Structure formats: C-alpha cells, structure tokens
Amino acid sequence: MKPLFTTSLPSQQEYFDLFETTNWNQDYKLTPEELILSIQNSSYCISAYIDDKLVGFGRILSDGVAHAVIFDVIVIPKFRKKGIGSIIMKKLLEECKRNKIRDVQLFCASGKLRFYEKFGFIARSENNPGMEIRN
C-alpha cells in the first residue's frame, strides 16, 4: 500500500471526513462547504491517497514572495507513523523553496513539536507563539 501524492483537491466529503479525524472542528465548527472553500483558496495543496482513500493532506497559504504558512497537515490515525506526514511536509517545503519563499511558518498541534523540528522548524518564544523556518 504505497501512497499516491497529488496536488488535485479532494472532494468536499473526503476532506471533511479527514478533517474530522483531528478534533479541530470542535473549535472551528466548519461545515463541509466552508472547509472545501478554505482549501480551494490555498496557494498549494498536497493530498495523499491509498487505495483511492484520502489518508493525508497539507496546504500552504502564501503571498508568493516573502511569507508562507503551512496549515492542516493531517494524516488519519490508521496511517500515522508510516512516513506520509513527512512526505507531505517535504513536498510543502519544496514548493516554498521552488517559489523562493524566505519565511515559512506554521502553528503546531499539541504534541507535534518534535515532528516539525525534524524539518528545521524552531519554536518561537512563549509570548510569540508559532514556529518558523527561514530559507
């Protein structure tokens, strides 16, 4: 079961189902329509499929010159710890480098700090939450 990575957007229901695995929607309370619109407005998206099922996703919002923010790096629980999230991150960072983005930031979910540190991200000070990487 090797994942297939594509820049094609998932369907509304596929993305909603994936997003629901994070419990983030308990706070956001976004509808499937709102969620698909959020990814349609992204600068770049990468989807991971196994056997035609969406198992992972990540996206970038960027001004195209200086700044980019990585959002929604998600892998369904069944497929975590299999390298899918790492490949998604590598592809997102490659896109930032390809576009010569100087400052890449993200907001880290609880317990995921070490995962992002593997890619060169560093935690900012407590009074300036978030993480960033400079290319």
C-alpha atoms as a PDB file:
ATOM      1  CA  MET A   1       0.000   0.000   0.000  1.00  0.00           C
ATOM      2  CA  LYS A   2       2.153   2.826  -1.279  1.00  0.00           C
ATOM      3  CA  PRO A   3       0.551   6.278  -1.061  1.00  0.00           C
ATOM      4  CA  LEU A   4      -0.169   8.320  -4.162  1.00  0.00           C
ATOM      5  CA  PHE A   5       0.508  12.047  -3.723  1.00  0.00           C
ATOM      6  CA  THR A   6      -1.319  14.581  -5.858  1.00  0.00           C
ATOM      7  CA  THR A   7      -1.922  18.316  -5.985  1.00  0.00           C
ATOM      8  CA  SER A   8      -5.524  17.668  -7.004  1.00  0.00           C
ATOM      9  CA  LEU A   9      -8.013  18.756  -4.371  1.00  0.00           C
ATOM     10  CA  PRO A  10     -10.021  16.084  -2.575  1.00  0.00           C
ATOM     11  CA  SER A  11     -13.794  16.081  -2.737  1.00  0.00           C
ATOM     12  CA  GLN A  12     -15.736  18.037  -0.165  1.00  0.00           C
ATOM     13  CA  GLN A  13     -16.776  14.893   1.707  1.00  0.00           C
ATOM     14  CA  GLU A  14     -13.289  13.345   1.572  1.00  0.00           C
ATOM     15  CA  TYR A  15     -11.735  16.436   3.111  1.00  0.00           C
ATOM     16  CA  PHE A  16     -14.463  16.846   5.717  1.00  0.00           C
ATOM     17  CA  ASP A  17     -14.037  13.219   6.814  1.00  0.00           C
ATOM     18  CA  LEU A  18     -10.249  13.663   7.039  1.00  0.00           C
ATOM     19  CA  PHE A  19     -10.554  16.945   8.949  1.00  0.00           C
ATOM     20  CA  GLU A  20     -12.943  15.339  11.423  1.00  0.00           C
ATOM     21  CA  THR A  21     -10.180  12.905  12.487  1.00  0.00           C
ATOM     22  CA  THR A  22      -8.312  15.826  14.099  1.00  0.00           C
ATOM     23  CA  ASN A  23     -10.988  17.037  16.534  1.00  0.00           C
ATOM     24  CA  TRP A  24     -10.106  20.590  15.372  1.00  0.00           C
ATOM     25  CA  ASN A  25     -13.667  21.094  14.213  1.00  0.00           C
ATOM     26  CA  GLN A  26     -14.864  21.017  17.813  1.00  0.00           C
ATOM     27  CA  ASP A  27     -13.479  24.563  17.975  1.00  0.00           C
ATOM     28  CA  TYR A  28     -13.938  25.724  14.373  1.00  0.00           C
ATOM     29  CA  LYS A  29     -17.379  24.196  13.737  1.00  0.00           C
ATOM     30  CA  LEU A  30     -16.887  24.476   9.982  1.00  0.00           C
ATOM     31  CA  THR A  31     -19.341  22.943   7.550  1.00  0.00           C
ATOM     32  CA  PRO A  32     -18.156  20.719   4.696  1.00  0.00           C
ATOM     33  CA  GLU A  33     -18.860  23.646   2.350  1.00  0.00           C
ATOM     34  CA  GLU A  34     -16.691  26.012   4.393  1.00  0.00           C
ATOM     35  CA  LEU A  35     -13.858  23.511   4.667  1.00  0.00           C
ATOM     36  CA  ILE A  36     -13.674  22.851   0.930  1.00  0.00           C
ATOM     37  CA  LEU A  37     -13.720  26.594   0.262  1.00  0.00           C
ATOM     38  CA  SER A  38     -10.798  27.040   2.664  1.00  0.00           C
ATOM     39  CA  ILE A  39      -8.624  24.609   0.738  1.00  0.00           C
ATOM     40  CA  GLN A  40      -9.756  25.938  -2.647  1.00  0.00           C
ATOM     41  CA  ASN A  41      -8.398  29.336  -1.571  1.00  0.00           C
ATOM     42  CA  SER A  42      -4.991  27.891  -0.652  1.00  0.00           C
ATOM     43  CA  SER A  43      -1.812  28.632  -2.588  1.00  0.00           C
ATOM     44  CA  TYR A  44      -0.805  24.960  -2.787  1.00  0.00           C
ATOM     45  CA  CYS A  45      -2.246  21.676  -1.538  1.00  0.00           C
ATOM     46  CA  ILE A  46      -0.991  18.111  -1.425  1.00  0.00           C
ATOM     47  CA  SER A  47      -3.255  15.105  -0.922  1.00  0.00           C
ATOM     48  CA  ALA A  48      -2.198  11.536  -0.106  1.00  0.00           C
ATOM     49  CA  TYR A  49      -4.317   8.579  -1.189  1.00  0.00           C
ATOM     50  CA  ILE A  50      -4.094   4.870  -0.506  1.00  0.00           C
ATOM     51  CA  ASP A  51      -6.465   2.628  -2.453  1.00  0.00           C
ATOM     52  CA  ASP A  52      -8.445   5.710  -3.580  1.00  0.00           C
ATOM     53  CA  LYS A  53      -8.985   6.825   0.039  1.00  0.00           C
ATOM     54  CA  LEU A  54      -7.745  10.217   1.237  1.00  0.00           C
ATOM     55  CA  VAL A  55      -5.345   9.439   4.094  1.00  0.00           C
ATOM     56  CA  GLY A  56      -3.332  12.656   4.325  1.00  0.00           C
ATOM     57  CA  PHE A  57      -3.311  16.303   3.374  1.00  0.00           C
ATOM     58  CA  GLY A  58      -1.396  19.558   3.817  1.00  0.00           C
ATOM     59  CA  ARG A  59      -1.638  23.072   2.415  1.00  0.00           C
ATOM     60  CA  ILE A  60       0.113  26.422   2.091  1.00  0.00           C
ATOM     61  CA  LEU A  61      -1.163  29.984   2.170  1.00  0.00           C
ATOM     62  CA  SER A  62       1.371  32.440   0.785  1.00  0.00           C
ATOM     63  CA  ASP A  63       1.895  35.943  -0.544  1.00  0.00           C
ATOM     64  CA  GLY A  64       4.091  34.287  -3.177  1.00  0.00           C
ATOM     65  CA  VAL A  65       7.171  36.339  -2.299  1.00  0.00           C
ATOM     66  CA  ALA A  66       8.240  36.532   1.319  1.00  0.00           C
ATOM     67  CA  HIS A  67       5.872  34.596   3.575  1.00  0.00           C
ATOM     68  CA  ALA A  68       4.041  31.283   3.641  1.00  0.00           C
ATOM     69  CA  VAL A  69       2.099  29.498   6.350  1.00  0.00           C
ATOM     70  CA  ILE A  70       1.606  25.745   6.394  1.00  0.00           C
ATOM     71  CA  PHE A  71      -1.811  24.599   7.562  1.00  0.00           C
ATOM     72  CA  ASP A  72      -3.762  21.408   8.082  1.00  0.00           C
ATOM     73  CA  VAL A  73      -1.062  18.751   7.911  1.00  0.00           C
ATOM     74  CA  ILE A  74      -3.315  15.778   8.614  1.00  0.00           C
ATOM     75  CA  VAL A  75      -2.831  12.011   8.412  1.00  0.00           C
ATOM     76  CA  ILE A  76      -5.634   9.717   9.518  1.00  0.00           C
ATOM     77  CA  PRO A  77      -4.718   7.817  12.692  1.00  0.00           C
ATOM     78  CA  LYS A  78      -4.548   4.404  10.996  1.00  0.00           C
ATOM     79  CA  PHE A  79      -1.774   5.633   8.670  1.00  0.00           C
ATOM     80  CA  ARG A  80       0.308   7.707  11.091  1.00  0.00           C
ATOM     81  CA  LYS A  81       3.938   6.760  11.753  1.00  0.00           C
ATOM     82  CA  LYS A  82       4.297   5.450   8.184  1.00  0.00           C
ATOM     83  CA  GLY A  83       6.097   8.472   6.690  1.00  0.00           C
ATOM     84  CA  ILE A  84       3.070  10.007   4.967  1.00  0.00           C
ATOM     85  CA  GLY A  85       3.145  13.186   7.063  1.00  0.00           C
ATOM     86  CA  SER A  86       6.879  13.547   6.448  1.00  0.00           C
ATOM     87  CA  ILE A  87       6.420  13.268   2.689  1.00  0.00           C
ATOM     88  CA  ILE A  88       3.609  15.835   2.821  1.00  0.00           C
ATOM     89  CA  MET A  89       5.867  18.221   4.751  1.00  0.00           C
ATOM     90  CA  LYS A  90       8.778  17.687   2.349  1.00  0.00           C
ATOM     91  CA  LYS A  91       6.536  18.445  -0.620  1.00  0.00           C
ATOM     92  CA  LEU A  92       5.142  21.584   1.031  1.00  0.00           C
ATOM     93  CA  LEU A  93       8.640  22.838   1.863  1.00  0.00           C
ATOM     94  CA  GLU A  94       9.890  22.008  -1.649  1.00  0.00           C
ATOM     95  CA  GLU A  95       7.097  24.189  -3.038  1.00  0.00           C
ATOM     96  CA  CYS A  96       8.157  27.048  -0.758  1.00  0.00           C
ATOM     97  CA  LYS A  97      11.789  26.687  -1.860  1.00  0.00           C
ATOM     98  CA  ARG A  98      10.764  26.498  -5.517  1.00  0.00           C
ATOM     99  CA  ASN A  99       9.000  29.842  -5.079  1.00  0.00           C
ATOM    100  CA  LYS A 100      11.914  31.293  -3.064  1.00  0.00           C
ATOM    101  CA  ILE A 101       9.713  31.978  -0.047  1.00  0.00           C
ATOM    102  CA  ARG A 102      12.000  33.330   2.676  1.00  0.00           C
ATOM    103  CA  ASP A 103       9.835  32.781   5.757  1.00  0.00           C
ATOM    104  CA  VAL A 104       7.736  29.653   6.315  1.00  0.00           C
ATOM    105  CA  GLN A 105       5.636  29.414   9.455  1.00  0.00           C
ATOM    106  CA  LEU A 106       3.144  27.028  10.982  1.00  0.00           C
ATOM    107  CA  PHE A 107       1.060  26.530  14.071  1.00  0.00           C
ATOM    108  CA  CYS A 108       1.873  23.270  15.776  1.00  0.00           C
ATOM    109  CA  ALA A 109      -0.766  20.976  17.253  1.00  0.00           C
ATOM    110  CA  SER A 110      -0.174  19.830  20.801  1.00  0.00           C
ATOM    111  CA  GLY A 111       2.443  17.093  20.984  1.00  0.00           C
ATOM    112  CA  LYS A 112       3.720  17.601  17.419  1.00  0.00           C
ATOM    113  CA  LEU A 113       6.680  19.909  18.098  1.00  0.00           C
ATOM    114  CA  ARG A 114       9.326  17.215  17.525  1.00  0.00           C
ATOM    115  CA  PHE A 115       7.755  16.215  14.211  1.00  0.00           C
ATOM    116  CA  TYR A 116       8.187  19.741  12.826  1.00  0.00           C
ATOM    117  CA  GLU A 117      11.644  20.191  14.337  1.00  0.00           C
ATOM    118  CA  LYS A 118      12.807  17.363  12.030  1.00  0.00           C
ATOM    119  CA  PHE A 119      12.247  19.770   9.124  1.00  0.00           C
ATOM    120  CA  GLY A 120      14.202  22.633  10.670  1.00  0.00           C
ATOM    121  CA  PHE A 121      11.370  24.470  12.388  1.00  0.00           C
ATOM    122  CA  ILE A 122      12.129  26.072  15.720  1.00  0.00           C
ATOM    123  CA  ALA A 123       9.708  27.095  18.436  1.00  0.00           C
ATOM    124  CA  ARG A 124       9.337  30.801  18.923  1.00  0.00           C
ATOM    125  CA  SER A 125       9.224  32.390  22.357  1.00  0.00           C
ATOM    126  CA  GLU A 126       6.176  31.790  24.552  1.00  0.00           C
ATOM    127  CA  ASN A 127       4.971  35.364  24.068  1.00  0.00           C
ATOM    128  CA  ASN A 128       5.184  34.946  20.279  1.00  0.00           C
ATOM    129  CA  PRO A 129       3.589  31.513  19.660  1.00  0.00           C
ATOM    130  CA  GLY A 130       4.112  29.535  16.493  1.00  0.00           C
ATOM    131  CA  MET A 131       7.091  28.176  14.610  1.00  0.00           C
ATOM    132  CA  GLU A 132       9.064  29.317  11.618  1.00  0.00           C
ATOM    133  CA  ILE A 133      11.826  28.291   9.262  1.00  0.00           C
ATOM    134  CA  ARG A 134      13.977  30.674   7.255  1.00  0.00           C
ATOM    135  CA  ASN A 135      15.159  29.653   3.799  1.00  0.00           C
END
